[in-house]
Protein backbone atom coordinates (compact mmCIF):
# COMPACT_ATOMS: atom_id res chain seq x y z
CA MET A 1 3.15 -4.18 -36.34
CA PRO A 2 4.31 -7.02 -34.33
CA LYS A 3 6.04 -9.88 -36.07
CA VAL A 4 4.86 -13.52 -35.66
CA VAL A 5 7.75 -15.79 -34.88
CA GLU A 6 7.61 -19.62 -35.43
CA THR A 7 9.83 -20.65 -32.65
CA PHE A 8 11.73 -19.15 -29.56
CA GLU A 9 13.68 -20.32 -26.76
CA PHE A 10 12.70 -18.63 -23.83
CA LYS A 11 15.13 -18.24 -20.92
CA LYS A 12 13.97 -19.27 -17.55
CA SER A 13 12.98 -16.76 -15.04
CA VAL A 14 15.24 -16.04 -12.05
CA GLY A 15 13.80 -18.60 -9.44
CA ALA A 16 11.57 -20.30 -11.55
CA GLY A 17 11.31 -23.95 -10.66
CA LYS A 18 13.83 -23.61 -7.82
CA LYS A 19 13.92 -22.81 -4.16
CA VAL A 20 15.53 -19.40 -3.72
CA TYR A 21 15.57 -19.45 0.16
CA ASP A 22 15.79 -22.23 2.69
CA TRP A 23 12.69 -20.68 4.50
CA ASP A 24 12.64 -23.64 6.97
CA GLY A 25 16.33 -23.15 7.86
CA LEU A 26 15.80 -19.24 8.08
CA MET A 27 12.86 -19.66 10.39
CA ASP A 28 14.91 -21.78 13.26
CA GLY A 29 15.03 -18.90 15.68
CA LYS A 30 18.67 -18.06 14.90
CA ILE A 31 19.29 -14.31 14.28
CA TYR A 32 20.41 -13.73 10.49
CA ALA A 33 21.67 -10.81 8.62
CA MET A 34 21.24 -10.50 4.96
CA GLU A 35 22.76 -8.09 2.76
CA GLU A 36 21.05 -6.11 -0.19
CA GLY A 37 22.40 -7.46 -3.59
CA ASP A 38 24.21 -10.40 -2.02
CA ASP A 39 21.70 -12.50 -0.19
CA PHE A 40 18.69 -11.04 -2.07
CA THR A 41 17.79 -8.86 -5.04
CA CYS A 42 14.42 -7.32 -4.22
CA THR A 43 14.05 -4.15 -2.00
CA PRO A 44 14.71 -4.47 1.58
CA GLU A 45 11.06 -3.54 2.16
CA SER A 46 9.94 -6.30 -0.18
CA PHE A 47 12.18 -8.89 1.58
CA ARG A 48 10.69 -7.87 5.03
CA GLN A 49 7.08 -8.59 3.58
CA MET A 50 8.52 -12.07 2.45
CA LEU A 51 9.64 -12.73 5.73
CA TYR A 52 6.36 -11.93 7.51
CA SER A 53 4.46 -14.02 5.02
CA ARG A 54 6.94 -17.14 5.40
CA ALA A 55 6.61 -16.71 8.80
CA GLU A 56 2.95 -16.82 9.24
CA ALA A 57 2.64 -19.71 6.82
CA ARG A 58 4.87 -21.76 9.30
CA GLY A 59 2.94 -20.58 12.57
CA LYS A 60 5.81 -18.16 13.41
CA SER A 61 6.27 -14.66 13.96
CA VAL A 62 9.24 -12.77 12.64
CA ARG A 63 11.45 -9.73 14.20
CA VAL A 64 12.80 -7.72 11.32
CA ASP A 65 15.38 -4.67 11.47
CA ILE A 66 16.41 -2.92 8.30
CA SER A 67 19.55 -0.89 8.54
CA ASP A 68 19.69 2.82 7.65
CA ASN A 69 22.70 2.79 5.49
CA GLU A 70 22.56 5.44 3.28
CA THR A 71 25.88 4.92 1.18
CA GLY A 72 25.86 1.33 0.57
CA PRO A 73 23.64 -1.73 0.53
CA LYS A 74 20.98 -2.03 3.13
CA THR A 75 21.23 -5.15 5.52
CA VAL A 76 17.94 -6.96 6.82
CA THR A 77 18.55 -8.62 10.21
CA PHE A 78 15.74 -11.05 11.15
CA GLN A 79 14.67 -13.77 13.79
CA ALA A 80 11.84 -16.01 13.61
CA ILE A 81 9.92 -16.75 16.73
CA THR A 82 7.71 -19.72 17.46
CA LEU A 83 4.26 -18.84 18.46
CA THR A 84 2.35 -20.44 21.15
CA ASP A 85 -1.13 -21.62 20.73
CA GLU A 86 -2.25 -18.79 22.79
CA ASP A 87 -0.48 -16.30 20.52
CA ILE A 88 -2.03 -18.04 17.52
CA ALA A 89 -5.55 -17.96 19.00
CA SER A 90 -5.03 -14.17 20.29
CA ARG A 91 -4.04 -13.03 16.77
CA ALA A 92 -6.90 -14.83 15.20
CA ALA A 93 -9.21 -13.01 17.48
CA ALA A 94 -7.86 -9.74 16.84
CA ARG A 95 -8.15 -10.41 12.75
CA GLU A 96 -11.76 -11.28 13.43
CA THR A 97 -12.29 -8.15 15.51
CA ARG A 98 -10.65 -6.00 12.63
CA LYS A 99 -12.66 -7.81 10.07
CA ALA A 100 -15.81 -7.04 12.00
CA ILE A 101 -15.07 -3.32 12.35
CA ARG A 102 -14.49 -2.97 8.68
CA ALA A 103 -17.79 -4.77 8.03
CA ALA A 104 -19.41 -2.23 10.35
CA LYS A 105 -17.99 0.75 8.67
CA ASN A 106 -19.02 -0.54 5.37
CA GLY A 107 -22.57 -1.18 6.44
CA HIS A 108 -22.25 -5.01 5.71
CA VAL A 109 -23.60 -7.87 7.65
CA ALA A 110 -21.46 -8.91 10.45
CA PRO A 111 -21.42 -12.74 11.14
CA ASP A 112 -22.41 -13.96 14.70
CA ALA A 113 -19.13 -14.42 16.62
CA THR A 114 -20.27 -17.91 17.90
CA THR A 115 -21.57 -19.52 14.90
CA GLY A 116 -20.17 -17.57 12.12
CA ASP A 117 -23.81 -17.40 10.76
CA ASP A 118 -24.27 -13.90 9.00
CA THR A 119 -28.10 -14.20 8.19
CA ASP A 120 -29.35 -12.62 11.49
CA THR A 121 -27.26 -9.95 12.66
CA VAL A 122 -27.32 -6.79 10.49
CA VAL A 123 -25.07 -4.04 11.50
CA PRO A 124 -26.75 -0.69 10.80
CA SER A 125 -25.03 1.90 8.78
CA GLU A 126 -25.19 5.33 9.88
CA PRO A 127 -27.64 7.45 8.27
CA GLU A 128 -26.52 9.52 5.27
CA HIS A 129 -25.89 13.21 6.13
CA THR A 130 -26.68 15.21 3.10
CA PRO A 131 -25.17 18.74 3.59
CA GLU A 132 -27.23 21.85 2.57
CA PRO A 133 -26.30 23.25 -0.87
CA ASP A 134 -24.38 26.48 -0.69
CA PRO A 135 -26.37 29.56 -1.78
CA GLU A 136 -25.76 30.69 -5.24
CA PRO A 137 -23.01 33.13 -5.51
CA GLU A 138 -23.90 36.53 -6.56
CA PRO A 139 -22.69 37.30 -10.19
CA LEU A 140 -19.42 39.10 -10.53
CA PRO A 141 -19.52 42.73 -11.94
CA PRO A 142 -18.40 43.03 -15.47
CA PRO A 143 -14.83 43.64 -15.78
CA PRO A 144 -13.60 47.31 -16.16
CA VAL A 145 -13.27 48.75 -19.94
CA ALA A 146 -9.81 50.00 -20.69
CA PRO A 147 -9.54 53.07 -22.18
CA ALA A 148 -8.68 52.93 -25.92
CA PRO A 149 -5.15 53.36 -26.85
CA LYS A 150 -3.72 56.64 -28.18
CA PRO A 151 -2.86 56.25 -31.79
CA PHE A 152 0.74 55.93 -32.58
CA VAL A 153 2.67 58.47 -35.10
CA LYS A 154 5.80 57.22 -36.52
CA GLY A 155 8.68 59.15 -35.13
CA LYS A 156 6.58 60.99 -32.68
CA LYS A 157 6.45 59.88 -28.79
CA PRO A 158 2.85 59.88 -27.23
CA VAL A 159 2.40 62.76 -24.93
CA ALA A 160 0.27 62.21 -21.75
CA LYS A 161 -2.50 64.75 -21.14
């Protein structure tokens, strides 16, 4: 049963209330190499995802490479790239296309590409295919009956006939 505690002094979480990384500085276009354990404490893969999301929030893209060091800490090398208006528009169009494809696959209403109105255009879903049921399998024959064991008499070996 848990105990009820009147008061408790909680420790602050790592990074709570303070800025852990200078994202604006790291997104200046220079090439940076950060080492696991020294410069970041999460997995290199998580740090890469963080780089992608922080770059996108700033209208940038980022190139990332994670070293394949098997014996020691891994290094994440990255460079932020400023996107042009054309790049941003192209990415937005690609996102909308992927969204429409997902909606079509799920049979949802697809928004009109020009107005964003989703009341007129309905993407038909594919007719459901119901496979024919398999015929009932023939019943299995009963298992063979084993012959009754020969009685055992203490001190005598059974003799095969």
